[in-house]
PDB file of N, CA and C in Angstrom:
ATOM      1  N   UNK A   1       0.806  -1.183   0.000  1.00  0.00           N
ATOM      2  CA  UNK A   1       0.000   0.000   0.000  1.00  0.00           C
ATOM      3  C   UNK A   1       0.859   1.261   0.000  1.00  0.00           C
ATOM      4  N   UNK A   2       1.994   1.183   0.652  1.00  0.00           N
ATOM      5  CA  UNK A   2       2.873   2.356   0.691  1.00  0.00           C
ATOM      6  C   UNK A   2       3.406   2.703  -0.703  1.00  0.00           C
ATOM      7  N   UNK A   3       3.519   1.688  -1.575  1.00  0.00           N
ATOM      8  CA  UNK A   3       4.029   1.922  -2.922  1.00  0.00           C
ATOM      9  C   UNK A   3       3.123   2.835  -3.739  1.00  0.00           C
ATOM     10  N   UNK A   4       1.863   2.984  -3.334  1.00  0.00           N
ATOM     11  CA  UNK A   4       0.944   3.828  -4.098  1.00  0.00           C
ATOM     12  C   UNK A   4       0.489   5.047  -3.297  1.00  0.00           C
ATOM     13  N   UNK A   5       1.207   5.376  -2.231  1.00  0.00           N
ATOM     14  CA  UNK A   5       0.916   6.580  -1.472  1.00  0.00           C
ATOM     15  C   UNK A   5      -0.014   6.411  -0.289  1.00  0.00           C
ATOM     16  N   UNK A   6      -0.354   5.185   0.053  1.00  0.00           N
ATOM     17  CA  UNK A   6      -1.211   4.944   1.214  1.00  0.00           C
ATOM     18  C   UNK A   6      -0.308   4.756   2.434  1.00  0.00           C
ATOM     19  N   UNK A   7      -0.066   5.843   3.152  1.00  0.00           N
ATOM     20  CA  UNK A   7       0.932   5.860   4.233  1.00  0.00           C
ATOM     21  C   UNK A   7       0.415   5.383   5.588  1.00  0.00           C
ATOM     22  N   UNK A   8      -0.877   5.467   5.814  1.00  0.00           N
ATOM     23  CA  UNK A   8      -1.422   5.131   7.130  1.00  0.00           C
ATOM     24  C   UNK A   8      -2.512   4.075   7.041  1.00  0.00           C
ATOM     25  N   UNK A   9      -2.281   3.075   6.224  1.00  0.00           N
ATOM     26  CA  UNK A   9      -3.292   2.041   6.017  1.00  0.00           C
ATOM     27  C   UNK A   9      -2.747   0.675   6.400  1.00  0.00           C
ATOM     28  N   UNK A  10      -3.665  -0.213   6.703  1.00  0.00           N
ATOM     29  CA  UNK A  10      -3.318  -1.597   6.976  1.00  0.00           C
ATOM     30  C   UNK A  10      -4.503  -2.440   6.543  1.00  0.00           C
ATOM     31  N   UNK A  11      -4.507  -3.690   6.899  1.00  0.00           N
ATOM     32  CA  UNK A  11      -5.616  -4.567   6.546  1.00  0.00           C
ATOM     33  C   UNK A  11      -5.897  -5.499   7.708  1.00  0.00           C
ATOM     34  N   UNK A  12      -7.095  -6.009   7.728  1.00  0.00           N
ATOM     35  CA  UNK A  12      -7.488  -6.938   8.778  1.00  0.00           C
ATOM     36  C   UNK A  12      -6.951  -8.313   8.419  1.00  0.00           C
ATOM     37  N   UNK A  13      -6.215  -8.898   9.343  1.00  0.00           N
ATOM     38  CA  UNK A  13      -5.689 -10.242   9.119  1.00  0.00           C
ATOM     39  C   UNK A  13      -6.138 -11.163  10.250  1.00  0.00           C
ATOM     40  N   UNK A  14      -5.993 -12.431  10.029  1.00  0.00           N
ATOM     41  CA  UNK A  14      -6.481 -13.423  10.988  1.00  0.00           C
ATOM     42  C   UNK A  14      -5.716 -13.366  12.313  1.00  0.00           C
ATOM     43  N   UNK A  15      -4.481 -12.855  12.293  1.00  0.00           N
ATOM     44  CA  UNK A  15      -3.668 -12.777  13.507  1.00  0.00           C
ATOM     45  C   UNK A  15      -3.890 -11.498  14.294  1.00  0.00           C
ATOM     46  N   UNK A  16      -4.755 -10.625  13.803  1.00  0.00           N
ATOM     47  CA  UNK A  16      -5.092  -9.356  14.441  1.00  0.00           C
ATOM     48  C   UNK A  16      -3.879  -8.436  14.629  1.00  0.00           C
ATOM     49  N   UNK A  17      -2.884  -8.546  13.767  1.00  0.00           N
ATOM     50  CA  UNK A  17      -1.714  -7.683  13.894  1.00  0.00           C
ATOM     51  C   UNK A  17      -2.058  -6.221  13.640  1.00  0.00           C
ATOM     52  N   UNK A  18      -3.167  -5.962  12.968  1.00  0.00           N
ATOM     53  CA  UNK A  18      -3.583  -4.581  12.721  1.00  0.00           C
ATOM     54  C   UNK A  18      -3.861  -3.832  14.024  1.00  0.00           C
ATOM     55  N   UNK A  19      -4.205  -4.558  15.090  1.00  0.00           N
ATOM     56  CA  UNK A  19      -4.472  -3.907  16.370  1.00  0.00           C
ATOM     57  C   UNK A  19      -3.216  -3.314  16.994  1.00  0.00           C
ATOM     58  N   UNK A  20      -2.040  -3.765  16.555  1.00  0.00           N
ATOM     59  CA  UNK A  20      -0.769  -3.262  17.075  1.00  0.00           C
ATOM     60  C   UNK A  20      -0.270  -2.039  16.326  1.00  0.00           C
ATOM     61  N   UNK A  21      -0.947  -1.658  15.269  1.00  0.00           N
ATOM     62  CA  UNK A  21      -0.547  -0.494  14.483  1.00  0.00           C
ATOM     63  C   UNK A  21      -0.634   0.757  15.344  1.00  0.00           C
ATOM     64  N   UNK A  22       0.419   1.600  15.329  1.00  0.00           N
ATOM     65  CA  UNK A  22       0.399   2.800  16.171  1.00  0.00           C
ATOM     66  C   UNK A  22      -0.674   3.801  15.754  1.00  0.00           C
ATOM     67  N   UNK A  23      -1.151   3.721  14.530  1.00  0.00           N
ATOM     68  CA  UNK A  23      -2.149   4.668  14.043  1.00  0.00           C
ATOM     69  C   UNK A  23      -3.531   4.052  13.890  1.00  0.00           C
ATOM     70  N   UNK A  24      -3.728   2.902  14.510  1.00  0.00           N
ATOM     71  CA  UNK A  24      -5.016   2.223  14.358  1.00  0.00           C
ATOM     72  C   UNK A  24      -6.111   3.046  15.022  1.00  0.00           C
ATOM     73  N   UNK A  25      -7.125   3.371  14.273  1.00  0.00           N
ATOM     74  CA  UNK A  25      -8.259   4.116  14.801  1.00  0.00           C
ATOM     75  C   UNK A  25      -9.371   3.127  15.142  1.00  0.00           C
ATOM     76  N   UNK A  26      -9.719   3.086  16.385  1.00  0.00           N
ATOM     77  CA  UNK A  26     -10.791   2.196  16.806  1.00  0.00           C
ATOM     78  C   UNK A  26     -12.138   2.755  16.356  1.00  0.00           C
ATOM     79  N   UNK A  27     -12.968   1.902  15.814  1.00  0.00           N
ATOM     80  CA  UNK A  27     -14.271   2.389  15.343  1.00  0.00           C
ATOM     81  C   UNK A  27     -15.240   2.613  16.501  1.00  0.00           C
ATOM     82  N   UNK A  28     -16.075   3.605  16.322  1.00  0.00           N
ATOM     83  CA  UNK A  28     -17.116   3.930  17.293  1.00  0.00           C
ATOM     84  C   UNK A  28     -18.431   4.060  16.553  1.00  0.00           C
ATOM     85  N   UNK A  29     -19.502   3.957  17.282  1.00  0.00           N
ATOM     86  CA  UNK A  29     -20.818   4.183  16.689  1.00  0.00           C
ATOM     87  C   UNK A  29     -21.694   4.939  17.685  1.00  0.00           C
ATOM     88  N   UNK A  30     -22.693   5.600  17.134  1.00  0.00           N
ATOM     89  CA  UNK A  30     -23.618   6.369  17.968  1.00  0.00           C
ATOM     90  C   UNK A  30     -24.966   5.670  17.997  1.00  0.00           C
ATOM     91  N   UNK A  31     -25.537   5.625  19.193  1.00  0.00           N
ATOM     92  CA  UNK A  31     -26.851   5.029  19.363  1.00  0.00           C
ATOM     93  C   UNK A  31     -27.565   5.777  20.480  1.00  0.00           C
ATOM     94  N   UNK A  32     -28.744   6.219  20.194  1.00  0.00           N
ATOM     95  CA  UNK A  32     -29.549   6.946  21.178  1.00  0.00           C
ATOM     96  C   UNK A  32     -28.797   8.119  21.797  1.00  0.00           C
ATOM     97  N   UNK A  33     -28.022   8.811  20.963  1.00  0.00           N
ATOM     98  CA  UNK A  33     -27.313  10.000  21.425  1.00  0.00           C
ATOM     99  C   UNK A  33     -26.038   9.732  22.203  1.00  0.00           C
ATOM    100  N   UNK A  34     -25.630   8.468  22.334  1.00  0.00           N
ATOM    101  CA  UNK A  34     -24.391   8.141  23.045  1.00  0.00           C
ATOM    102  C   UNK A  34     -23.401   7.476  22.098  1.00  0.00           C
ATOM    103  N   UNK A  35     -22.122   7.618  22.410  1.00  0.00           N
ATOM    104  CA  UNK A  35     -21.051   7.037  21.598  1.00  0.00           C
ATOM    105  C   UNK A  35     -20.524   5.776  22.276  1.00  0.00           C
ATOM    106  N   UNK A  36     -20.388   4.721  21.487  1.00  0.00           N
ATOM    107  CA  UNK A  36     -19.909   3.440  21.991  1.00  0.00           C
ATOM    108  C   UNK A  36     -18.725   2.969  21.158  1.00  0.00           C
ATOM    109  N   UNK A  37     -17.758   2.315  21.815  1.00  0.00           N
ATOM    110  CA  UNK A  37     -16.634   1.698  21.099  1.00  0.00           C
ATOM    111  C   UNK A  37     -17.136   0.409  20.461  1.00  0.00           C
ATOM    112  N   UNK A  38     -16.770   0.208  19.207  1.00  0.00           N
ATOM    113  CA  UNK A  38     -17.153  -0.996  18.482  1.00  0.00           C
ATOM    114  C   UNK A  38     -16.230  -2.128  18.893  1.00  0.00           C
ATOM    115  N   UNK A  39     -16.761  -3.302  19.089  1.00  0.00           N
ATOM    116  CA  UNK A  39     -15.973  -4.470  19.468  1.00  0.00           C
ATOM    117  C   UNK A  39     -15.129  -4.918  18.268  1.00  0.00           C
ATOM    118  N   UNK A  40     -13.814  -4.749  18.345  1.00  0.00           N
ATOM    119  CA  UNK A  40     -12.948  -5.083  17.209  1.00  0.00           C
ATOM    120  C   UNK A  40     -12.944  -6.579  16.901  1.00  0.00           C
ATOM    121  N   UNK A  41     -13.324  -7.419  17.856  1.00  0.00           N
ATOM    122  CA  UNK A  41     -13.411  -8.855  17.577  1.00  0.00           C
ATOM    123  C   UNK A  41     -14.485  -9.123  16.526  1.00  0.00           C
ATOM    124  N   UNK A  42     -15.503  -8.297  16.489  1.00  0.00           N
ATOM    125  CA  UNK A  42     -16.543  -8.460  15.471  1.00  0.00           C
ATOM    126  C   UNK A  42     -15.996  -8.157  14.084  1.00  0.00           C
ATOM    127  N   UNK A  43     -15.057  -7.218  13.995  1.00  0.00           N
ATOM    128  CA  UNK A  43     -14.454  -6.895  12.699  1.00  0.00           C
ATOM    129  C   UNK A  43     -13.735  -8.115  12.149  1.00  0.00           C
ATOM    130  N   UNK A  44     -12.978  -8.794  13.001  1.00  0.00           N
ATOM    131  CA  UNK A  44     -12.231  -9.956  12.527  1.00  0.00           C
ATOM    132  C   UNK A  44     -13.170 -11.053  12.046  1.00  0.00           C
ATOM    133  N   UNK A  45     -14.281 -11.237  12.711  1.00  0.00           N
ATOM    134  CA  UNK A  45     -15.208 -12.298  12.322  1.00  0.00           C
ATOM    135  C   UNK A  45     -15.866 -12.041  10.982  1.00  0.00           C
ATOM    136  N   UNK A  46     -16.024 -10.784  10.614  1.00  0.00           N
ATOM    137  CA  UNK A  46     -16.711 -10.481   9.360  1.00  0.00           C
ATOM    138  C   UNK A  46     -15.776  -9.950   8.285  1.00  0.00           C
ATOM    139  N   UNK A  47     -14.467 -10.010   8.508  1.00  0.00           N
ATOM    140  CA  UNK A  47     -13.540  -9.354   7.588  1.00  0.00           C
ATOM    141  C   UNK A  47     -13.629  -9.872   6.156  1.00  0.00           C
ATOM    142  N   UNK A  48     -13.995 -11.099   5.967  1.00  0.00           N
ATOM    143  CA  UNK A  48     -14.082 -11.628   4.611  1.00  0.00           C
ATOM    144  C   UNK A  48     -15.198 -10.929   3.837  1.00  0.00           C
ATOM    145  N   UNK A  49     -16.247 -10.550   4.530  1.00  0.00           N
ATOM    146  CA  UNK A  49     -17.371  -9.925   3.868  1.00  0.00           C
ATOM    147  C   UNK A  49     -17.305  -8.408   3.797  1.00  0.00           C
ATOM    148  N   UNK A  50     -16.230  -7.801   4.275  1.00  0.00           N
ATOM    149  CA  UNK A  50     -16.143  -6.350   4.233  1.00  0.00           C
ATOM    150  C   UNK A  50     -16.051  -5.842   2.800  1.00  0.00           C
ATOM    151  N   UNK A  51     -16.746  -4.786   2.529  1.00  0.00           N
ATOM    152  CA  UNK A  51     -16.735  -4.217   1.180  1.00  0.00           C
ATOM    153  C   UNK A  51     -15.343  -3.754   0.761  1.00  0.00           C
ATOM    154  N   UNK A  52     -14.519  -3.400   1.716  1.00  0.00           N
ATOM    155  CA  UNK A  52     -13.175  -2.917   1.414  1.00  0.00           C
ATOM    156  C   UNK A  52     -12.169  -4.050   1.277  1.00  0.00           C
ATOM    157  N   UNK A  53     -12.602  -5.278   1.474  1.00  0.00           N
ATOM    158  CA  UNK A  53     -11.661  -6.390   1.440  1.00  0.00           C
ATOM    159  C   UNK A  53     -10.800  -6.436   2.683  1.00  0.00           C
ATOM    160  N   UNK A  54     -11.213  -5.756   3.733  1.00  0.00           N
ATOM    161  CA  UNK A  54     -10.468  -5.748   4.988  1.00  0.00           C
ATOM    162  C   UNK A  54      -9.474  -4.615   5.117  1.00  0.00           C
ATOM    163  N   UNK A  55      -9.467  -3.696   4.177  1.00  0.00           N
ATOM    164  CA  UNK A  55      -8.543  -2.563   4.236  1.00  0.00           C
ATOM    165  C   UNK A  55      -9.034  -1.552   5.260  1.00  0.00           C
ATOM    166  N   UNK A  56      -8.121  -1.114   6.118  1.00  0.00           N
ATOM    167  CA  UNK A  56      -8.401  -0.054   7.085  1.00  0.00           C
ATOM    168  C   UNK A  56      -7.576   1.141   6.657  1.00  0.00           C
ATOM    169  N   UNK A  57      -8.245   2.200   6.202  1.00  0.00           N
ATOM    170  CA  UNK A  57      -7.525   3.333   5.631  1.00  0.00           C
ATOM    171  C   UNK A  57      -8.212   4.647   5.966  1.00  0.00           C
ATOM    172  N   UNK A  58      -7.401   5.679   6.032  1.00  0.00           N
ATOM    173  CA  UNK A  58      -7.931   7.024   6.226  1.00  0.00           C
ATOM    174  C   UNK A  58      -8.531   7.526   4.913  1.00  0.00           C
ATOM    175  N   UNK A  59      -9.284   8.613   4.996  1.00  0.00           N
ATOM    176  CA  UNK A  59      -9.857   9.210   3.790  1.00  0.00           C
ATOM    177  C   UNK A  59      -8.745   9.657   2.836  1.00  0.00           C
ATOM    178  N   UNK A  60      -7.662  10.174   3.380  1.00  0.00           N
ATOM    179  CA  UNK A  60      -6.527  10.616   2.559  1.00  0.00           C
ATOM    180  C   UNK A  60      -5.920   9.437   1.811  1.00  0.00           C
ATOM    181  N   UNK A  61      -5.743   8.322   2.497  1.00  0.00           N
ATOM    182  CA  UNK A  61      -5.176   7.136   1.852  1.00  0.00           C
ATOM    183  C   UNK A  61      -6.134   6.550   0.822  1.00  0.00           C
ATOM    184  N   UNK A  62      -7.426   6.583   1.107  1.00  0.00           N
ATOM    185  CA  UNK A  62      -8.385   6.084   0.121  1.00  0.00           C
ATOM    186  C   UNK A  62      -8.391   6.978  -1.120  1.00  0.00           C
ATOM    187  N   UNK A  63      -8.170   8.274  -0.936  1.00  0.00           N
ATOM    188  CA  UNK A  63      -8.052   9.183  -2.081  1.00  0.00           C
ATOM    189  C   UNK A  63      -6.832   8.810  -2.923  1.00  0.00           C
ATOM    190  N   UNK A  64      -5.723   8.438  -2.266  1.00  0.00           N
ATOM    191  CA  UNK A  64      -4.523   8.006  -2.980  1.00  0.00           C
ATOM    192  C   UNK A  64      -4.819   6.725  -3.771  1.00  0.00           C
ATOM    193  N   UNK A  65      -5.600   5.836  -3.185  1.00  0.00           N
ATOM    194  CA  UNK A  65      -5.977   4.590  -3.852  1.00  0.00           C
ATOM    195  C   UNK A  65      -6.810   4.871  -5.102  1.00  0.00           C
ATOM    196  N   UNK A  66      -7.791   5.745  -4.964  1.00  0.00           N
ATOM    197  CA  UNK A  66      -8.629   6.110  -6.103  1.00  0.00           C
ATOM    198  C   UNK A  66      -7.788   6.775  -7.189  1.00  0.00           C
ATOM    199  N   UNK A  67      -6.895   7.667  -6.781  1.00  0.00           N
ATOM    200  CA  UNK A  67      -6.011   8.349  -7.728  1.00  0.00           C
ATOM    201  C   UNK A  67      -5.136   7.347  -8.478  1.00  0.00           C
ATOM    202  N   UNK A  68      -4.642   6.349  -7.767  1.00  0.00           N
ATOM    203  CA  UNK A  68      -3.843   5.288  -8.374  1.00  0.00           C
ATOM    204  C   UNK A  68      -4.629   4.588  -9.486  1.00  0.00           C
ATOM    205  N   UNK A  69      -5.885   4.290  -9.215  1.00  0.00           N
ATOM    206  CA  UNK A  69      -6.723   3.642 -10.233  1.00  0.00           C
ATOM    207  C   UNK A  69      -7.053   4.583 -11.385  1.00  0.00           C
ATOM    208  N   UNK A  70      -7.335   5.833 -11.071  1.00  0.00           N
ATOM    209  CA  UNK A  70      -7.625   6.798 -12.127  1.00  0.00           C
ATOM    210  C   UNK A  70      -6.422   7.025 -13.044  1.00  0.00           C
ATOM    211  N   UNK A  71      -5.226   6.823 -12.496  1.00  0.00           N
ATOM    212  CA  UNK A  71      -3.996   6.952 -13.285  1.00  0.00           C
ATOM    213  C   UNK A  71      -3.587   5.628 -13.932  1.00  0.00           C
ATOM    214  N   UNK A  72      -4.532   4.712 -14.009  1.00  0.00           N
ATOM    215  CA  UNK A  72      -4.336   3.423 -14.683  1.00  0.00           C
ATOM    216  C   UNK A  72      -3.156   2.627 -14.129  1.00  0.00           C
ATOM    217  N   UNK A  73      -3.063   2.587 -12.785  1.00  0.00           N
ATOM    218  CA  UNK A  73      -2.033   1.774 -12.143  1.00  0.00           C
ATOM    219  C   UNK A  73      -0.680   2.431 -12.060  1.00  0.00           C
ATOM    220  N   UNK A  74      -0.636   3.734 -12.251  1.00  0.00           N
ATOM    221  CA  UNK A  74       0.623   4.477 -12.230  1.00  0.00           C
ATOM    222  C   UNK A  74       0.661   5.363 -10.985  1.00  0.00           C
ATOM    223  N   UNK A  75       1.814   5.395 -10.316  1.00  0.00           N
ATOM    224  CA  UNK A  75       2.002   6.275  -9.148  1.00  0.00           C
ATOM    225  C   UNK A  75       3.284   7.073  -9.336  1.00  0.00           C
ATOM    226  N   UNK A  76       3.137   8.381  -9.284  1.00  0.00           N
ATOM    227  CA  UNK A  76       4.267   9.315  -9.461  1.00  0.00           C
ATOM    228  C   UNK A  76       5.102   8.966 -10.699  1.00  0.00           C
ATOM    229  N   UNK A  77       4.392   8.650 -11.778  1.00  0.00           N
ATOM    230  CA  UNK A  77       5.045   8.389 -13.059  1.00  0.00           C
ATOM    231  C   UNK A  77       5.545   6.967 -13.235  1.00  0.00           C
ATOM    232  N   UNK A  78       5.465   6.133 -12.204  1.00  0.00           N
ATOM    233  CA  UNK A  78       5.930   4.764 -12.282  1.00  0.00           C
ATOM    234  C   UNK A  78       4.738   3.826 -12.422  1.00  0.00           C
ATOM    235  N   UNK A  79       4.787   2.952 -13.425  1.00  0.00           N
ATOM    236  CA  UNK A  79       3.723   1.955 -13.616  1.00  0.00           C
ATOM    237  C   UNK A  79       3.893   0.856 -12.587  1.00  0.00           C
ATOM    238  N   UNK A  80       2.878   0.679 -11.721  1.00  0.00           N
ATOM    239  CA  UNK A  80       2.939  -0.354 -10.679  1.00  0.00           C
ATOM    240  C   UNK A  80       2.244  -1.626 -11.164  1.00  0.00           C
ATOM    241  N   UNK A  81       1.060  -1.456 -11.748  1.00  0.00           N
ATOM    242  CA  UNK A  81       0.347  -2.619 -12.298  1.00  0.00           C
ATOM    243  C   UNK A  81      -0.128  -2.299 -13.696  1.00  0.00           C
TER     244      UNK A  81
END
């Protein structure tokens, strides 16, 4: 992911190594006006079905990903795929 400008991204793996990432943002949700921490164990159980394929990325990194695709697999002038 770093090869295409995604500097703060990781992916969900079966060993849960993503939880050790220094920049891991824990998900939260709001219900009835209160904020709750999402149980990260639930993420691991459903990671195969995630629309992102298990990628955990910031909006900035996702923009880099989209830009990579819009540039037909090229990043900073270098063809990656």
